[in-house]
C-alpha atoms as a PDB file:
ATOM      1  CA  UNK A   1       2.144  16.488 -17.415  1.00  0.00           C
ATOM      2  CA  UNK A   2       3.220  15.531 -20.911  1.00  0.00           C
ATOM      3  CA  UNK A   3       5.618  12.669 -21.440  1.00  0.00           C
ATOM      4  CA  UNK A   4       8.829  14.677 -21.732  1.00  0.00           C
ATOM      5  CA  UNK A   5       8.078  16.395 -18.424  1.00  0.00           C
ATOM      6  CA  UNK A   6       7.906  13.039 -16.648  1.00  0.00           C
ATOM      7  CA  UNK A   7      11.069  11.845 -18.328  1.00  0.00           C
ATOM      8  CA  UNK A   8      12.784  15.007 -17.119  1.00  0.00           C
ATOM      9  CA  UNK A   9      11.347  14.706 -13.616  1.00  0.00           C
ATOM     10  CA  UNK A  10      12.421  11.081 -13.293  1.00  0.00           C
ATOM     11  CA  UNK A  11      15.767  11.732 -15.027  1.00  0.00           C
ATOM     12  CA  UNK A  12      15.161   9.006 -17.627  1.00  0.00           C
ATOM     13  CA  UNK A  13      14.956   8.695 -21.427  1.00  0.00           C
ATOM     14  CA  UNK A  14      12.068   6.514 -22.628  1.00  0.00           C
ATOM     15  CA  UNK A  15      10.275   8.399 -25.390  1.00  0.00           C
ATOM     16  CA  UNK A  16      11.927   7.010 -28.505  1.00  0.00           C
ATOM     17  CA  UNK A  17      10.082   4.055 -30.045  1.00  0.00           C
ATOM     18  CA  UNK A  18      11.677   1.051 -31.721  1.00  0.00           C
ATOM     19  CA  UNK A  19      12.528   1.440 -35.395  1.00  0.00           C
ATOM     20  CA  UNK A  20      12.512  -1.328 -37.973  1.00  0.00           C
ATOM     21  CA  UNK A  21      11.217  -4.851 -37.635  1.00  0.00           C
ATOM     22  CA  UNK A  22      11.889  -7.684 -35.225  1.00  0.00           C
ATOM     23  CA  UNK A  23      13.205 -11.011 -36.404  1.00  0.00           C
ATOM     24  CA  UNK A  24      10.713 -12.911 -34.267  1.00  0.00           C
ATOM     25  CA  UNK A  25       7.044 -13.265 -35.133  1.00  0.00           C
ATOM     26  CA  UNK A  26       6.147 -13.843 -31.491  1.00  0.00           C
ATOM     27  CA  UNK A  27       7.569 -10.632 -29.997  1.00  0.00           C
ATOM     28  CA  UNK A  28       6.274  -7.172 -30.844  1.00  0.00           C
ATOM     29  CA  UNK A  29       8.173  -3.919 -31.194  1.00  0.00           C
ATOM     30  CA  UNK A  30       8.779  -1.629 -28.252  1.00  0.00           C
ATOM     31  CA  UNK A  31       6.437   1.282 -27.689  1.00  0.00           C
ATOM     32  CA  UNK A  32       6.136   2.892 -24.242  1.00  0.00           C
ATOM     33  CA  UNK A  33       2.742   3.393 -22.622  1.00  0.00           C
ATOM     34  CA  UNK A  34       1.880   7.119 -22.822  1.00  0.00           C
ATOM     35  CA  UNK A  35       2.205   8.924 -19.502  1.00  0.00           C
ATOM     36  CA  UNK A  36      -1.247  10.403 -20.047  1.00  0.00           C
ATOM     37  CA  UNK A  37      -2.712   6.886 -20.183  1.00  0.00           C
ATOM     38  CA  UNK A  38      -0.863   5.876 -17.009  1.00  0.00           C
ATOM     39  CA  UNK A  39      -2.228   8.936 -15.239  1.00  0.00           C
ATOM     40  CA  UNK A  40      -5.810   7.994 -16.155  1.00  0.00           C
ATOM     41  CA  UNK A  41      -5.343   4.374 -15.135  1.00  0.00           C
ATOM     42  CA  UNK A  42      -3.859   5.127 -11.744  1.00  0.00           C
ATOM     43  CA  UNK A  43      -6.403   7.787 -10.914  1.00  0.00           C
ATOM     44  CA  UNK A  44      -8.848   4.879 -10.767  1.00  0.00           C
ATOM     45  CA  UNK A  45      -6.594   1.990  -9.707  1.00  0.00           C
ATOM     46  CA  UNK A  46      -4.308   2.536  -6.755  1.00  0.00           C
ATOM     47  CA  UNK A  47      -1.123   0.688  -5.870  1.00  0.00           C
ATOM     48  CA  UNK A  48       0.910   0.895  -2.686  1.00  0.00           C
ATOM     49  CA  UNK A  49       4.437   0.258  -1.483  1.00  0.00           C
ATOM     50  CA  UNK A  50       3.622  -3.399  -0.680  1.00  0.00           C
ATOM     51  CA  UNK A  51       2.808  -4.190  -4.319  1.00  0.00           C
ATOM     52  CA  UNK A  52       5.332  -5.979  -6.525  1.00  0.00           C
ATOM     53  CA  UNK A  53       4.793  -5.213 -10.199  1.00  0.00           C
ATOM     54  CA  UNK A  54       6.212  -7.160 -13.143  1.00  0.00           C
ATOM     55  CA  UNK A  55       6.295  -5.365 -16.507  1.00  0.00           C
ATOM     56  CA  UNK A  56       6.621  -7.841 -19.381  1.00  0.00           C
ATOM     57  CA  UNK A  57       8.369  -6.224 -22.328  1.00  0.00           C
ATOM     58  CA  UNK A  58       9.438  -3.236 -20.236  1.00  0.00           C
ATOM     59  CA  UNK A  59      11.639  -1.651 -22.899  1.00  0.00           C
ATOM     60  CA  UNK A  60      13.509   1.243 -21.308  1.00  0.00           C
ATOM     61  CA  UNK A  61      11.573   1.015 -18.052  1.00  0.00           C
ATOM     62  CA  UNK A  62       9.061   3.868 -18.222  1.00  0.00           C
ATOM     63  CA  UNK A  63       6.296   2.085 -16.285  1.00  0.00           C
ATOM     64  CA  UNK A  64       8.768   0.816 -13.694  1.00  0.00           C
ATOM     65  CA  UNK A  65      10.117   4.227 -12.791  1.00  0.00           C
ATOM     66  CA  UNK A  66       6.668   5.831 -12.874  1.00  0.00           C
ATOM     67  CA  UNK A  67       5.201   3.299 -10.441  1.00  0.00           C
ATOM     68  CA  UNK A  68       8.184   3.388  -8.129  1.00  0.00           C
ATOM     69  CA  UNK A  69       8.120   7.181  -8.032  1.00  0.00           C
ATOM     70  CA  UNK A  70       4.363   7.522  -7.612  1.00  0.00           C
ATOM     71  CA  UNK A  71       3.566   4.617  -5.277  1.00  0.00           C
ATOM     72  CA  UNK A  72       6.867   3.322  -3.925  1.00  0.00           C
ATOM     73  CA  UNK A  73       6.010  -0.086  -5.406  1.00  0.00           C
ATOM     74  CA  UNK A  74       8.682  -2.694  -6.091  1.00  0.00           C
ATOM     75  CA  UNK A  75       9.065  -3.146  -9.840  1.00  0.00           C
ATOM     76  CA  UNK A  76      10.698  -5.735 -12.078  1.00  0.00           C
ATOM     77  CA  UNK A  77      11.100  -5.138 -15.790  1.00  0.00           C
ATOM     78  CA  UNK A  78      11.475  -8.111 -18.134  1.00  0.00           C
ATOM     79  CA  UNK A  79      13.117  -7.265 -21.470  1.00  0.00           C
ATOM     80  CA  UNK A  80      14.536  -9.581 -24.136  1.00  0.00           C
ATOM     81  CA  UNK A  81      16.208  -6.843 -26.218  1.00  0.00           C
ATOM     82  CA  UNK A  82      19.747  -6.277 -24.939  1.00  0.00           C
ATOM     83  CA  UNK A  83      19.887  -2.670 -26.188  1.00  0.00           C
ATOM     84  CA  UNK A  84      16.685  -1.715 -24.357  1.00  0.00           C
ATOM     85  CA  UNK A  85      17.872  -3.609 -21.284  1.00  0.00           C
ATOM     86  CA  UNK A  86      21.072  -1.518 -21.249  1.00  0.00           C
ATOM     87  CA  UNK A  87      18.993   1.643 -21.711  1.00  0.00           C
ATOM     88  CA  UNK A  88      16.831   0.608 -18.753  1.00  0.00           C
ATOM     89  CA  UNK A  89      19.921   0.077 -16.576  1.00  0.00           C
ATOM     90  CA  UNK A  90      21.262   3.505 -17.555  1.00  0.00           C
ATOM     91  CA  UNK A  91      17.887   5.039 -16.740  1.00  0.00           C
ATOM     92  CA  UNK A  92      17.947   3.249 -13.387  1.00  0.00           C
ATOM     93  CA  UNK A  93      21.352   4.687 -12.579  1.00  0.00           C
ATOM     94  CA  UNK A  94      20.203   8.225 -13.372  1.00  0.00           C
ATOM     95  CA  UNK A  95      16.911   7.782 -11.500  1.00  0.00           C
ATOM     96  CA  UNK A  96      18.568   6.437  -8.347  1.00  0.00           C
ATOM     97  CA  UNK A  97      21.212   9.163  -8.392  1.00  0.00           C
ATOM     98  CA  UNK A  98      18.614  11.892  -8.886  1.00  0.00           C
ATOM     99  CA  UNK A  99      16.301  10.661  -6.138  1.00  0.00           C
ATOM    100  CA  UNK A 100      18.979   9.326  -3.751  1.00  0.00           C
ATOM    101  CA  UNK A 101      17.219   6.091  -2.937  1.00  0.00           C
ATOM    102  CA  UNK A 102      18.253   2.472  -2.517  1.00  0.00           C
ATOM    103  CA  UNK A 103      18.315   0.199  -5.525  1.00  0.00           C
ATOM    104  CA  UNK A 104      16.598  -2.925  -4.212  1.00  0.00           C
ATOM    105  CA  UNK A 105      13.091  -2.041  -5.409  1.00  0.00           C
ATOM    106  CA  UNK A 106      13.820  -1.508  -9.123  1.00  0.00           C
ATOM    107  CA  UNK A 107      15.128  -4.481 -11.081  1.00  0.00           C
ATOM    108  CA  UNK A 108      15.568  -5.301 -14.740  1.00  0.00           C
ATOM    109  CA  UNK A 109      16.183  -8.737 -16.197  1.00  0.00           C
ATOM    110  CA  UNK A 110      17.297  -9.501 -19.741  1.00  0.00           C
ATOM    111  CA  UNK A 111      15.465 -12.692 -20.620  1.00  0.00           C
ATOM    112  CA  UNK A 112      12.469 -14.048 -22.482  1.00  0.00           C
ATOM    113  CA  UNK A 113       9.148 -13.477 -20.734  1.00  0.00           C
ATOM    114  CA  UNK A 114       8.415 -17.176 -20.484  1.00  0.00           C
ATOM    115  CA  UNK A 115      11.790 -17.730 -18.762  1.00  0.00           C
ATOM    116  CA  UNK A 116      11.055 -15.361 -15.886  1.00  0.00           C
ATOM    117  CA  UNK A 117      10.557 -17.223 -12.605  1.00  0.00           C
ATOM    118  CA  UNK A 118       7.645 -15.464 -10.918  1.00  0.00           C
ATOM    119  CA  UNK A 119       8.557 -14.286  -7.411  1.00  0.00           C
ATOM    120  CA  UNK A 120       6.233 -15.481  -4.624  1.00  0.00           C
ATOM    121  CA  UNK A 121       5.370 -11.849  -3.830  1.00  0.00           C
ATOM    122  CA  UNK A 122       4.768 -10.605  -7.394  1.00  0.00           C
ATOM    123  CA  UNK A 123       1.111  -9.545  -7.436  1.00  0.00           C
ATOM    124  CA  UNK A 124       0.606  -7.114 -10.347  1.00  0.00           C
ATOM    125  CA  UNK A 125       1.502  -8.030 -13.929  1.00  0.00           C
ATOM    126  CA  UNK A 126       1.536  -5.473 -16.749  1.00  0.00           C
ATOM    127  CA  UNK A 127       1.291  -6.102 -20.490  1.00  0.00           C
ATOM    128  CA  UNK A 128       1.274  -3.610 -23.362  1.00  0.00           C
ATOM    129  CA  UNK A 129       0.742  -6.263 -26.046  1.00  0.00           C
ATOM    130  CA  UNK A 130       4.422  -7.345 -25.881  1.00  0.00           C
ATOM    131  CA  UNK A 131       4.111 -10.728 -27.592  1.00  0.00           C
ATOM    132  CA  UNK A 132       1.665 -13.137 -29.215  1.00  0.00           C
ATOM    133  CA  UNK A 133      -0.979 -15.005 -27.263  1.00  0.00           C
ATOM    134  CA  UNK A 134       1.093 -18.205 -27.530  1.00  0.00           C
ATOM    135  CA  UNK A 135       3.808 -16.608 -25.382  1.00  0.00           C
ATOM    136  CA  UNK A 136       1.219 -15.012 -23.113  1.00  0.00           C
ATOM    137  CA  UNK A 137      -0.347 -18.404 -22.419  1.00  0.00           C
ATOM    138  CA  UNK A 138       3.017 -19.678 -21.158  1.00  0.00           C
ATOM    139  CA  UNK A 139       3.472 -16.582 -18.995  1.00  0.00           C
ATOM    140  CA  UNK A 140      -0.040 -16.952 -17.576  1.00  0.00           C
ATOM    141  CA  UNK A 141       0.736 -20.588 -16.686  1.00  0.00           C
ATOM    142  CA  UNK A 142       3.850 -19.450 -14.797  1.00  0.00           C
ATOM    143  CA  UNK A 143       1.821 -16.842 -12.895  1.00  0.00           C
ATOM    144  CA  UNK A 144      -0.873 -19.362 -11.966  1.00  0.00           C
ATOM    145  CA  UNK A 145       1.763 -21.906 -10.948  1.00  0.00           C
ATOM    146  CA  UNK A 146       3.306 -19.350  -8.607  1.00  0.00           C
ATOM    147  CA  UNK A 147      -0.092 -18.518  -7.116  1.00  0.00           C
ATOM    148  CA  UNK A 148      -0.744 -22.214  -6.559  1.00  0.00           C
ATOM    149  CA  UNK A 149       2.498 -22.441  -4.582  1.00  0.00           C
ATOM    150  CA  UNK A 150       2.011 -19.133  -2.711  1.00  0.00           C
ATOM    151  CA  UNK A 151      -1.606 -18.005  -2.804  1.00  0.00           C
ATOM    152  CA  UNK A 152      -2.157 -14.242  -3.048  1.00  0.00           C
ATOM    153  CA  UNK A 153      -4.445 -11.752  -4.739  1.00  0.00           C
ATOM    154  CA  UNK A 154      -3.130 -10.841  -8.174  1.00  0.00           C
ATOM    155  CA  UNK A 155      -4.118  -8.581 -11.058  1.00  0.00           C
ATOM    156  CA  UNK A 156      -3.158  -8.665 -14.709  1.00  0.00           C
ATOM    157  CA  UNK A 157      -3.265  -5.228 -16.329  1.00  0.00           C
ATOM    158  CA  UNK A 158      -3.463  -4.875 -20.108  1.00  0.00           C
ATOM    159  CA  UNK A 159      -3.049  -1.725 -22.159  1.00  0.00           C
ATOM    160  CA  UNK A 160      -4.314  -1.793 -25.750  1.00  0.00           C
ATOM    161  CA  UNK A 161      -5.237  -5.494 -25.308  1.00  0.00           C
ATOM    162  CA  UNK A 162      -5.300  -7.715 -28.366  1.00  0.00           C
ATOM    163  CA  UNK A 163      -8.420  -9.711 -29.223  1.00  0.00           C
ATOM    164  CA  UNK A 164      -6.416 -12.924 -28.795  1.00  0.00           C
ATOM    165  CA  UNK A 165      -5.518 -12.022 -25.210  1.00  0.00           C
ATOM    166  CA  UNK A 166      -9.107 -11.098 -24.379  1.00  0.00           C
ATOM    167  CA  UNK A 167     -10.492 -14.297 -25.911  1.00  0.00           C
ATOM    168  CA  UNK A 168      -8.007 -16.416 -23.965  1.00  0.00           C
ATOM    169  CA  UNK A 169      -8.766 -14.670 -20.657  1.00  0.00           C
ATOM    170  CA  UNK A 170     -12.539 -14.682 -21.122  1.00  0.00           C
ATOM    171  CA  UNK A 171     -12.468 -18.430 -21.749  1.00  0.00           C
ATOM    172  CA  UNK A 172      -9.983 -19.331 -19.025  1.00  0.00           C
ATOM    173  CA  UNK A 173     -11.614 -20.825 -15.908  1.00  0.00           C
ATOM    174  CA  UNK A 174      -9.118 -19.267 -13.473  1.00  0.00           C
ATOM    175  CA  UNK A 175      -9.259 -15.623 -14.623  1.00  0.00           C
ATOM    176  CA  UNK A 176     -12.123 -13.157 -14.414  1.00  0.00           C
ATOM    177  CA  UNK A 177     -12.647  -9.631 -15.707  1.00  0.00           C
ATOM    178  CA  UNK A 178     -12.522  -6.984 -12.974  1.00  0.00           C
ATOM    179  CA  UNK A 179     -12.698  -3.612 -14.669  1.00  0.00           C
ATOM    180  CA  UNK A 180     -12.107  -1.521 -17.752  1.00  0.00           C
ATOM    181  CA  UNK A 181     -10.560   1.944 -17.891  1.00  0.00           C
ATOM    182  CA  UNK A 182     -11.329   3.782 -21.133  1.00  0.00           C
ATOM    183  CA  UNK A 183      -9.124   6.698 -22.104  1.00  0.00           C
ATOM    184  CA  UNK A 184     -10.771  10.072 -22.522  1.00  0.00           C
ATOM    185  CA  UNK A 185     -10.642  11.468 -26.024  1.00  0.00           C
ATOM    186  CA  UNK A 186     -10.309   8.041 -27.658  1.00  0.00           C
ATOM    187  CA  UNK A 187     -13.911   6.882 -27.501  1.00  0.00           C
ATOM    188  CA  UNK A 188     -13.878   5.925 -31.191  1.00  0.00           C
ATOM    189  CA  UNK A 189     -10.896   3.583 -30.721  1.00  0.00           C
ATOM    190  CA  UNK A 190     -11.971   0.383 -28.986  1.00  0.00           C
ATOM    191  CA  UNK A 191      -8.368  -0.532 -28.178  1.00  0.00           C
ATOM    192  CA  UNK A 192      -7.459   2.642 -26.260  1.00  0.00           C
ATOM    193  CA  UNK A 193      -8.277   1.177 -22.893  1.00  0.00           C
ATOM    194  CA  UNK A 194      -6.962  -0.811 -19.978  1.00  0.00           C
ATOM    195  CA  UNK A 195      -8.450  -4.153 -18.981  1.00  0.00           C
ATOM    196  CA  UNK A 196      -7.811  -5.648 -15.565  1.00  0.00           C
ATOM    197  CA  UNK A 197      -8.264  -9.308 -14.744  1.00  0.00           C
ATOM    198  CA  UNK A 198      -7.944 -11.142 -11.461  1.00  0.00           C
ATOM    199  CA  UNK A 199      -8.345 -14.630 -10.118  1.00  0.00           C
ATOM    200  CA  UNK A 200     -11.739 -16.325 -10.451  1.00  0.00           C
ATOM    201  CA  UNK A 201     -11.279 -18.195  -7.181  1.00  0.00           C
END
């Protein structure tokens, strides 16, 4: 399926990218993960309805709706941009109406990533290079703090990972590399891949 087919199937609008420049150096512009990339990733990495996924920098919620539709996973989107947050809520309304399901498993919060209080059951964390490594380090500390309070198996999933993120993770004593998913047709582009990290203990 191409991206507009999924948008139509899910009754959402997520294809338009952010125009212009952000005022903050630390936060990057919105660009949704291509559906084709998500298909490749989740052919190799399965989720289930017991998973709770947090999407940092969720934009209009594409990943959230895709994962809820495909796996029945609980999803929380974190978005600092109020316009995208409103778009995500409108998409949620259309999605829930179309599929006639309850609303408890799809949530969106308008806040900074480092302000999100990690839920004790959150176990999958998704990043499409939403902010600088300085912000990511704070987010990672929050995730590890939550795991220390409520131990569970977690995974951090990165699409198009920045070198700064990779360096930080490779040198962090509590994270370890688990797998890489390279996208077909992009072999010449080192960044067109997913990296998955888990706990090193």
